[in-house]
Amino acid sequence: MVIVGMYLSRALMSIGMMLLIANAVLNVHFKDYWKHFIRHPYLVFLSLYFLYATISGLWSENTSYLFQRLQILLPFLTLPLAFISIGKWESKWFHWILAIFILLNIGGIVWSLLIYFPNKAFYDAGYHYSHQIPTPFKQDHIRFSLSVVLSILFCVSFWNAYPQTRVRLLMSGIIVLNIFYLHILSVKSGLIAFYLISILYIIRFILIAQYRKYGVLLLGILIMLPVLMYQISESFRTKIGYVRYSLERMQNGIKETNISDEGRLISYQFALNIIRTKPLSGVGYGDVFDAMQKKYDAEFGQGKTTPLIPHNQILMAGVAMGIPGILLLLTMFILLWKQVRKQDFLFFCFMVLMSFAISIEAFFENQYGMCLFLFFLLLLLQRKKNPPYLKALQG
């Protein structure tokens, strides 16, 4: 329900999370699950993030905005315990869940392309103004592009886990479709994430002697891929031109919020200014948007531009909760990174992807980003160890 809800209905996603929570709270073994929960600091810090955000509401004036934020962040408090209550996962169920996500993602891609190709000239022209084609996730291009990268990671996991030729051909075809779509969509965040993860996989192949030749082959393909897509994809070609244009505009000495990259940097600057003003407490989670709006109005004139919350989750935490909020978030990620050595390479790549996501977006500030991070994080942590034939790839 949670995964289907991501693509079809946010209400369904919320209902699925509530059922997971109810399964934990109403379970006869709740005390045992609670003891297990408090023995794992990384789970405790996930819940502490919500609790501290709630505490910051004590010095927030905009209670309406506060409740909106806390409603989105509530799974941080409840889902860690909910996943513990599920018990051990059998591999087949874990793979079924990933397969459903991959299929839904394919459906989202096909839906997006069916809108794009009949109106190709119109949407290609929009890329001159950083307007992307319609996507699932309520047109949240960045989070959907990152979900496509996550789908590629899961396809690679299936490719490794099932050596049958038909499965590997199917996974290869889906990966090609996802890569093709990423370049058609041409969201910088998704493309950077894809190339970053690809380089990590290539390095891993090259470091293992028996896979070195495949690593070199994949490196050659990766180098040629953007050149090929530049030739065949008008949207990708236009996006490259827009990036050049935005870099030129950023050098003119005039602040322009309508230039996507510069608008992001301006939000960083204003966020840092607010953190310097209230380093210990922040402005409170409920007043983040109002505090940012005051900065925009002071710089550009009241109502002259649309204010943004900080496009960085670390800075978002700093504005809302001060330096203690930043330290809380960083500690949470450090503890999660410590789990990498107990997991497989898929979990490592997932953590790289999510660390990148929080550095370029206030990633937890809508339901899609929160779900991509928290639901799949807990899902990956629940898995059993990889089957024996993957040990070679584990180093």
Protein backbone atom coordinates (compact mmCIF):
# COMPACT_ATOMS: atom_id res chain seq x y z
CA MET A 1 0.00 0.00 0.00
CA VAL A 2 2.83 2.38 0.82
CA ILE A 3 4.63 1.77 -2.47
CA VAL A 4 1.48 1.84 -4.62
CA GLY A 5 0.39 5.00 -2.82
CA MET A 6 3.60 6.77 -3.85
CA TYR A 7 2.45 6.59 -7.47
CA LEU A 8 -1.33 6.63 -7.21
CA SER A 9 -2.54 8.16 -3.94
CA ARG A 10 -0.84 9.87 -1.02
CA ALA A 11 -3.84 8.85 1.12
CA LEU A 12 -3.12 5.19 0.35
CA MET A 13 0.52 5.72 1.28
CA SER A 14 -0.54 7.19 4.64
CA ILE A 15 -2.98 4.33 5.29
CA GLY A 16 -0.24 1.79 4.60
CA MET A 17 2.08 3.48 7.09
CA MET A 18 -0.68 3.60 9.71
CA LEU A 19 -1.27 -0.14 9.28
CA LEU A 20 2.45 -0.80 9.79
CA ILE A 21 2.34 1.29 12.96
CA ALA A 22 -0.82 -0.45 14.21
CA ASN A 23 0.85 -3.82 13.63
CA ALA A 24 3.62 -2.77 16.01
CA VAL A 25 1.57 -1.10 18.73
CA LEU A 26 -1.15 -3.77 18.91
CA ASN A 27 1.31 -6.68 18.78
CA VAL A 28 1.50 -8.91 21.85
CA HIS A 29 5.31 -8.76 21.65
CA PHE A 30 5.41 -4.95 21.78
CA LYS A 31 7.67 -4.89 24.88
CA ASP A 32 10.23 -7.11 23.16
CA TYR A 33 10.17 -4.92 20.06
CA TRP A 34 10.63 -1.82 22.21
CA LYS A 35 13.70 -3.33 23.91
CA HIS A 36 15.12 -4.20 20.49
CA PHE A 37 14.41 -0.65 19.30
CA ILE A 38 16.24 1.14 22.11
CA ARG A 39 19.30 -1.13 21.67
CA HIS A 40 19.88 0.33 18.18
CA PRO A 41 21.02 3.97 18.33
CA TYR A 42 20.45 4.58 14.61
CA LEU A 43 16.75 3.73 15.07
CA VAL A 44 16.52 5.90 18.18
CA PHE A 45 18.03 8.88 16.36
CA LEU A 46 15.50 8.52 13.53
CA SER A 47 12.74 9.00 16.10
CA LEU A 48 14.65 11.74 17.92
CA TYR A 49 14.66 13.78 14.71
CA PHE A 50 10.87 13.98 14.83
CA LEU A 51 10.81 14.62 18.59
CA TYR A 52 13.25 17.52 18.37
CA ALA A 53 11.34 19.00 15.45
CA THR A 54 8.22 18.84 17.63
CA ILE A 55 10.02 20.51 20.53
CA SER A 56 11.09 23.35 18.23
CA GLY A 57 7.39 24.04 17.75
CA LEU A 58 7.37 25.52 21.26
CA TRP A 59 9.03 28.65 19.87
CA SER A 60 7.17 28.62 16.53
CA GLU A 61 4.40 31.13 15.94
CA ASN A 62 2.96 29.62 12.74
CA THR A 63 1.25 26.56 14.22
CA SER A 64 -0.59 25.74 10.98
CA TYR A 65 2.67 25.33 9.06
CA LEU A 66 4.17 23.46 12.04
CA PHE A 67 1.43 20.82 12.00
CA GLN A 68 1.86 20.38 8.23
CA ARG A 69 5.57 19.71 8.72
CA LEU A 70 5.08 17.37 11.67
CA GLN A 71 2.44 15.38 9.82
CA ILE A 72 4.99 14.67 7.08
CA LEU A 73 7.76 13.87 9.59
CA LEU A 74 5.61 11.65 11.84
CA PRO A 75 6.85 8.36 10.24
CA PHE A 76 10.32 9.15 11.65
CA LEU A 77 8.83 8.57 15.10
CA THR A 78 6.78 5.48 14.34
CA LEU A 79 8.11 3.52 11.35
CA PRO A 80 11.42 2.35 12.92
CA LEU A 81 9.48 0.47 15.61
CA ALA A 82 6.88 -0.65 13.06
CA PHE A 83 9.49 -2.39 10.90
CA ILE A 84 10.95 -4.19 13.90
CA SER A 85 7.53 -5.70 14.62
CA ILE A 86 7.40 -7.33 11.18
CA GLY A 87 10.14 -9.75 12.21
CA LYS A 88 12.57 -11.42 9.81
CA TRP A 89 12.00 -11.08 6.10
CA GLU A 90 12.12 -14.00 3.74
CA SER A 91 14.03 -13.13 0.57
CA LYS A 92 11.02 -13.83 -1.65
CA TRP A 93 8.90 -11.20 0.12
CA PHE A 94 11.64 -8.63 -0.01
CA HIS A 95 12.07 -9.28 -3.74
CA TRP A 96 8.32 -9.05 -4.33
CA ILE A 97 8.24 -5.61 -2.70
CA LEU A 98 11.15 -4.41 -4.82
CA ALA A 99 9.54 -5.89 -7.94
CA ILE A 100 6.33 -3.96 -7.25
CA PHE A 101 8.33 -0.75 -6.90
CA ILE A 102 10.20 -1.42 -10.15
CA LEU A 103 6.95 -2.14 -12.02
CA LEU A 104 5.23 0.97 -10.66
CA ASN A 105 8.26 3.01 -11.62
CA ILE A 106 8.09 1.63 -15.16
CA GLY A 107 4.40 2.58 -15.24
CA GLY A 108 5.30 6.12 -14.16
CA ILE A 109 7.97 6.37 -16.84
CA VAL A 110 5.64 5.10 -19.57
CA TRP A 111 2.91 7.52 -18.45
CA SER A 112 5.38 10.40 -18.54
CA LEU A 113 6.72 9.44 -21.99
CA LEU A 114 3.20 9.03 -23.40
CA ILE A 115 2.58 12.67 -22.49
CA TYR A 116 5.98 13.79 -23.76
CA PHE A 117 6.25 12.24 -27.23
CA PRO A 118 2.90 13.44 -28.69
CA ASN A 119 3.81 16.97 -27.55
CA LYS A 120 7.57 16.68 -27.94
CA ALA A 121 8.21 20.10 -29.52
CA PHE A 122 6.21 21.86 -26.80
CA TYR A 123 8.00 20.15 -23.91
CA ASP A 124 11.44 20.43 -25.53
CA ALA A 125 10.90 24.18 -25.79
CA GLY A 126 10.05 24.28 -22.08
CA TYR A 127 13.54 23.05 -21.24
CA HIS A 128 14.84 26.47 -22.32
CA TYR A 129 13.14 27.73 -19.13
CA SER A 130 13.90 24.72 -16.90
CA HIS A 131 10.36 23.31 -17.28
CA GLN A 132 10.41 19.51 -17.26
CA ILE A 133 7.91 17.04 -18.65
CA PRO A 134 5.09 15.81 -16.34
CA THR A 135 6.09 13.10 -13.87
CA PRO A 136 4.49 11.08 -11.05
CA PHE A 137 4.95 12.31 -7.48
CA LYS A 138 2.77 15.38 -8.21
CA GLN A 139 5.36 16.75 -10.69
CA ASP A 140 8.18 16.46 -8.16
CA HIS A 141 10.83 15.95 -10.82
CA ILE A 142 13.79 15.72 -8.47
CA ARG A 143 12.38 13.04 -6.18
CA PHE A 144 10.95 11.04 -9.08
CA SER A 145 14.29 11.14 -10.91
CA LEU A 146 15.96 9.83 -7.74
CA SER A 147 13.34 7.08 -7.53
CA VAL A 148 14.36 6.08 -11.08
CA VAL A 149 17.98 5.82 -9.92
CA LEU A 150 16.79 3.75 -6.94
CA SER A 151 14.88 1.49 -9.35
CA ILE A 152 18.10 0.97 -11.33
CA LEU A 153 19.86 -0.06 -8.11
CA PHE A 154 17.14 -2.60 -7.35
CA CYS A 155 17.30 -3.96 -10.92
CA VAL A 156 21.05 -4.51 -10.50
CA SER A 157 20.29 -6.30 -7.23
CA PHE A 158 17.88 -8.62 -9.08
CA TRP A 159 20.45 -9.13 -11.85
CA ASN A 160 22.95 -10.29 -9.22
CA ALA A 161 20.50 -12.39 -7.22
CA TYR A 162 19.01 -14.34 -10.14
CA PRO A 163 21.51 -15.79 -12.64
CA GLN A 164 18.79 -17.04 -15.02
CA THR A 165 19.21 -15.60 -18.52
CA ARG A 166 15.59 -14.45 -18.89
CA VAL A 167 15.70 -12.54 -15.59
CA ARG A 168 18.97 -10.84 -16.47
CA LEU A 169 17.72 -9.88 -19.93
CA LEU A 170 14.56 -8.43 -18.39
CA MET A 171 16.51 -6.47 -15.78
CA SER A 172 18.95 -5.21 -18.44
CA GLY A 173 16.03 -3.98 -20.55
CA ILE A 174 14.47 -2.15 -17.60
CA ILE A 175 17.81 -0.57 -16.71
CA VAL A 176 18.22 0.69 -20.29
CA LEU A 177 14.69 2.15 -20.21
CA ASN A 178 15.40 3.90 -16.91
CA ILE A 179 18.69 5.34 -18.17
CA PHE A 180 17.06 6.51 -21.41
CA TYR A 181 14.26 8.18 -19.44
CA LEU A 182 16.67 9.90 -17.04
CA HIS A 183 18.29 11.64 -20.01
CA ILE A 184 14.93 12.52 -21.58
CA LEU A 185 13.73 13.94 -18.26
CA SER A 186 17.12 15.65 -17.81
CA VAL A 187 16.83 16.56 -14.15
CA LYS A 188 20.35 17.48 -13.02
CA SER A 189 19.95 15.85 -9.61
CA GLY A 190 18.85 12.53 -11.08
CA LEU A 191 21.58 12.52 -13.72
CA ILE A 192 24.34 13.38 -11.24
CA ALA A 193 23.07 10.67 -8.88
CA PHE A 194 22.99 8.11 -11.71
CA TYR A 195 26.55 8.86 -12.88
CA LEU A 196 27.81 8.93 -9.29
CA ILE A 197 26.34 5.51 -8.49
CA SER A 198 27.53 4.11 -11.83
CA ILE A 199 31.10 5.21 -11.10
CA LEU A 200 30.95 3.49 -7.69
CA TYR A 201 29.84 0.24 -9.32
CA ILE A 202 32.54 0.50 -11.97
CA ILE A 203 35.23 1.10 -9.35
CA ARG A 204 34.01 -1.98 -7.47
CA PHE A 205 34.18 -4.08 -10.64
CA ILE A 206 37.67 -2.83 -11.46
CA LEU A 207 38.92 -3.63 -7.94
CA ILE A 208 37.85 -7.29 -8.30
CA ALA A 209 40.25 -9.05 -10.66
CA GLN A 210 37.77 -11.43 -12.31
CA TYR A 211 35.37 -8.56 -13.10
CA ARG A 212 37.97 -5.98 -14.16
CA LYS A 213 37.35 -6.33 -17.89
CA TYR A 214 33.61 -5.76 -17.33
CA GLY A 215 34.44 -2.67 -15.28
CA VAL A 216 36.57 -1.25 -18.11
CA LEU A 217 33.79 -2.00 -20.61
CA LEU A 218 31.19 -0.30 -18.44
CA LEU A 219 33.47 2.70 -18.00
CA GLY A 220 33.70 3.10 -21.77
CA ILE A 221 29.93 2.88 -22.10
CA LEU A 222 29.44 5.43 -19.31
CA ILE A 223 31.81 7.89 -21.02
CA MET A 224 30.03 7.53 -24.37
CA LEU A 225 26.49 7.63 -22.91
CA PRO A 226 26.12 11.43 -22.49
CA VAL A 227 27.66 11.96 -25.94
CA LEU A 228 25.11 9.59 -27.47
CA MET A 229 22.16 11.08 -25.58
CA TYR A 230 23.27 14.59 -26.56
CA GLN A 231 22.91 13.54 -30.20
CA ILE A 232 19.53 11.83 -29.95
CA SER A 233 17.68 13.66 -27.14
CA GLU A 234 16.52 17.22 -27.78
CA SER A 235 15.48 17.71 -24.14
CA PHE A 236 18.93 16.60 -22.89
CA ARG A 237 20.64 18.85 -25.43
CA THR A 238 18.46 21.80 -24.42
CA LYS A 239 19.07 21.13 -20.73
CA ILE A 240 22.83 21.28 -21.29
CA GLY A 241 22.31 24.62 -23.00
CA TYR A 242 20.20 25.88 -20.09
CA VAL A 243 22.91 24.87 -17.60
CA ARG A 244 25.45 26.89 -19.60
CA TYR A 245 23.04 29.83 -19.67
CA SER A 246 22.41 29.66 -15.91
CA LEU A 247 26.16 29.56 -15.20
CA GLU A 248 26.63 32.66 -17.35
CA ARG A 249 23.79 34.47 -15.57
CA MET A 250 25.27 33.58 -12.18
CA GLN A 251 28.43 35.47 -13.12
CA ASN A 252 26.69 38.78 -13.86
CA GLY A 253 26.68 39.90 -10.22
CA ILE A 254 22.87 40.23 -10.08
CA LYS A 255 20.85 37.92 -7.85
CA GLU A 256 18.14 36.16 -9.86
CA THR A 257 15.84 33.69 -8.12
CA ASN A 258 14.27 32.54 -11.41
CA ILE A 259 17.55 30.87 -12.44
CA SER A 260 17.28 27.42 -10.88
CA ASP A 261 20.88 26.95 -9.73
CA GLU A 262 21.23 30.52 -8.50
CA GLY A 263 17.86 30.29 -6.75
CA ARG A 264 19.17 27.27 -4.87
CA LEU A 265 22.35 29.12 -3.84
CA ILE A 266 20.32 32.12 -2.69
CA SER A 267 18.25 29.84 -0.45
CA TYR A 268 21.51 28.53 1.03
CA GLN A 269 22.76 32.04 1.71
CA PHE A 270 19.56 33.15 3.42
CA ALA A 271 19.45 29.94 5.47
CA LEU A 272 23.00 30.48 6.72
CA ASN A 273 22.12 34.06 7.67
CA ILE A 274 19.17 32.83 9.74
CA ILE A 275 21.28 30.16 11.44
CA ARG A 276 23.86 32.80 12.40
CA THR A 277 21.07 34.87 13.94
CA LYS A 278 19.65 31.98 16.01
CA PRO A 279 22.37 29.34 16.22
CA LEU A 280 21.14 27.51 19.33
CA SER A 281 17.39 27.32 18.84
CA GLY A 282 16.65 28.06 15.20
CA VAL A 283 13.35 29.74 14.37
CA GLY A 284 11.27 26.62 15.10
CA TYR A 285 9.95 24.21 12.49
CA GLY A 286 6.72 26.14 12.11
CA ASP A 287 8.42 29.42 11.20
CA VAL A 288 10.96 28.27 8.60
CA PHE A 289 8.97 29.46 5.59
CA ASP A 290 8.07 32.78 7.23
CA ALA A 291 11.71 33.43 8.17
CA MET A 292 12.84 32.69 4.62
CA GLN A 293 10.08 34.89 3.19
CA LYS A 294 11.29 37.82 5.30
CA LYS A 295 14.77 37.37 3.83
CA TYR A 296 13.41 37.29 0.26
CA ASP A 297 11.19 40.33 0.85
CA ALA A 298 14.08 42.29 2.37
CA GLU A 299 16.40 41.45 -0.54
CA PHE A 300 14.04 41.64 -3.53
CA GLY A 301 11.01 43.59 -2.31
CA GLN A 302 7.77 42.30 -0.84
CA GLY A 303 5.94 39.93 -3.18
CA LYS A 304 8.52 40.33 -5.96
CA THR A 305 9.66 36.71 -5.94
CA THR A 306 8.56 33.32 -4.65
CA PRO A 307 10.44 32.37 -1.47
CA LEU A 308 11.99 28.92 -1.11
CA ILE A 309 12.75 26.91 1.97
CA PRO A 310 16.45 25.92 2.10
CA HIS A 311 17.17 23.45 -0.71
CA ASN A 312 19.33 21.39 1.62
CA GLN A 313 18.06 19.20 4.47
CA ILE A 314 21.02 20.02 6.70
CA LEU A 315 20.40 23.76 6.36
CA MET A 316 16.66 23.15 6.76
CA ALA A 317 17.38 21.45 10.10
CA GLY A 318 19.65 24.36 11.06
CA VAL A 319 17.06 27.02 10.29
CA ALA A 320 14.33 25.09 12.13
CA MET A 321 16.31 23.72 15.10
CA GLY A 322 19.63 25.54 15.11
CA ILE A 323 23.06 23.92 15.30
CA PRO A 324 21.72 21.18 17.66
CA GLY A 325 19.32 20.17 14.84
CA ILE A 326 22.21 19.98 12.38
CA LEU A 327 24.23 17.84 14.80
CA LEU A 328 21.23 15.58 15.37
CA LEU A 329 20.76 15.02 11.64
CA LEU A 330 24.47 14.44 11.01
CA THR A 331 24.72 12.02 13.95
CA MET A 332 21.74 10.09 12.57
CA PHE A 333 23.48 9.72 9.20
CA ILE A 334 26.82 8.79 10.79
CA LEU A 335 25.11 6.00 12.73
CA LEU A 336 23.38 4.82 9.56
CA TRP A 337 26.68 4.87 7.67
CA LYS A 338 28.14 2.63 10.37
CA GLN A 339 25.57 0.02 9.35
CA VAL A 340 27.10 -0.15 5.86
CA ARG A 341 29.78 -2.61 6.92
CA LYS A 342 27.04 -5.03 8.07
CA GLN A 343 25.11 -4.75 4.81
CA ASP A 344 25.83 -5.28 1.11
CA PHE A 345 26.90 -2.95 -1.67
CA LEU A 346 23.28 -2.08 -2.47
CA PHE A 347 22.87 -0.55 0.98
CA PHE A 348 26.12 1.36 0.54
CA CYS A 349 24.86 2.83 -2.76
CA PHE A 350 21.51 3.64 -1.16
CA MET A 351 23.27 5.62 1.57
CA VAL A 352 25.36 7.45 -1.04
CA LEU A 353 22.16 8.31 -2.93
CA MET A 354 20.35 9.56 0.18
CA SER A 355 23.37 11.53 1.40
CA PHE A 356 23.47 13.22 -1.99
CA ALA A 357 19.70 13.83 -1.86
CA ILE A 358 19.76 15.68 1.48
CA SER A 359 22.64 17.85 0.23
CA ILE A 360 20.69 19.20 -2.76
CA GLU A 361 17.11 19.16 -1.43
CA ALA A 362 15.11 19.59 1.76
CA PHE A 363 14.43 15.95 1.03
CA PHE A 364 12.26 15.08 4.04
CA GLU A 365 9.91 18.00 3.60
CA ASN A 366 7.35 16.21 1.49
CA GLN A 367 5.81 12.77 1.70
CA TYR A 368 7.61 11.39 -1.35
CA GLY A 369 11.10 12.23 -0.17
CA MET A 370 10.38 11.03 3.34
CA CYS A 371 9.04 7.71 1.97
CA LEU A 372 11.95 7.16 -0.44
CA PHE A 373 14.39 7.65 2.41
CA LEU A 374 12.74 6.14 5.47
CA PHE A 375 10.66 3.31 4.00
CA PHE A 376 13.42 1.90 1.80
CA LEU A 377 16.09 2.49 4.46
CA LEU A 378 14.16 0.37 6.96
CA LEU A 379 13.29 -2.16 4.28
CA LEU A 380 16.94 -2.63 3.32
CA LEU A 381 17.96 -2.92 6.97
CA GLN A 382 15.41 -5.72 7.42
CA ARG A 383 16.83 -7.97 4.73
CA LYS A 384 18.62 -11.22 5.31
CA LYS A 385 22.21 -11.48 4.12
CA ASN A 386 22.90 -12.03 0.43
CA PRO A 387 22.92 -15.59 -0.94
CA PRO A 388 26.32 -17.34 -1.27
CA TYR A 389 26.80 -16.67 -4.99
CA LEU A 390 27.02 -12.95 -4.26
CA LYS A 391 29.96 -13.25 -1.89
CA ALA A 392 32.42 -12.61 -4.73
CA LEU A 393 30.85 -9.21 -5.31
CA GLN A 394 30.93 -8.48 -1.59
CA GLY A 395 34.74 -8.47 -1.61
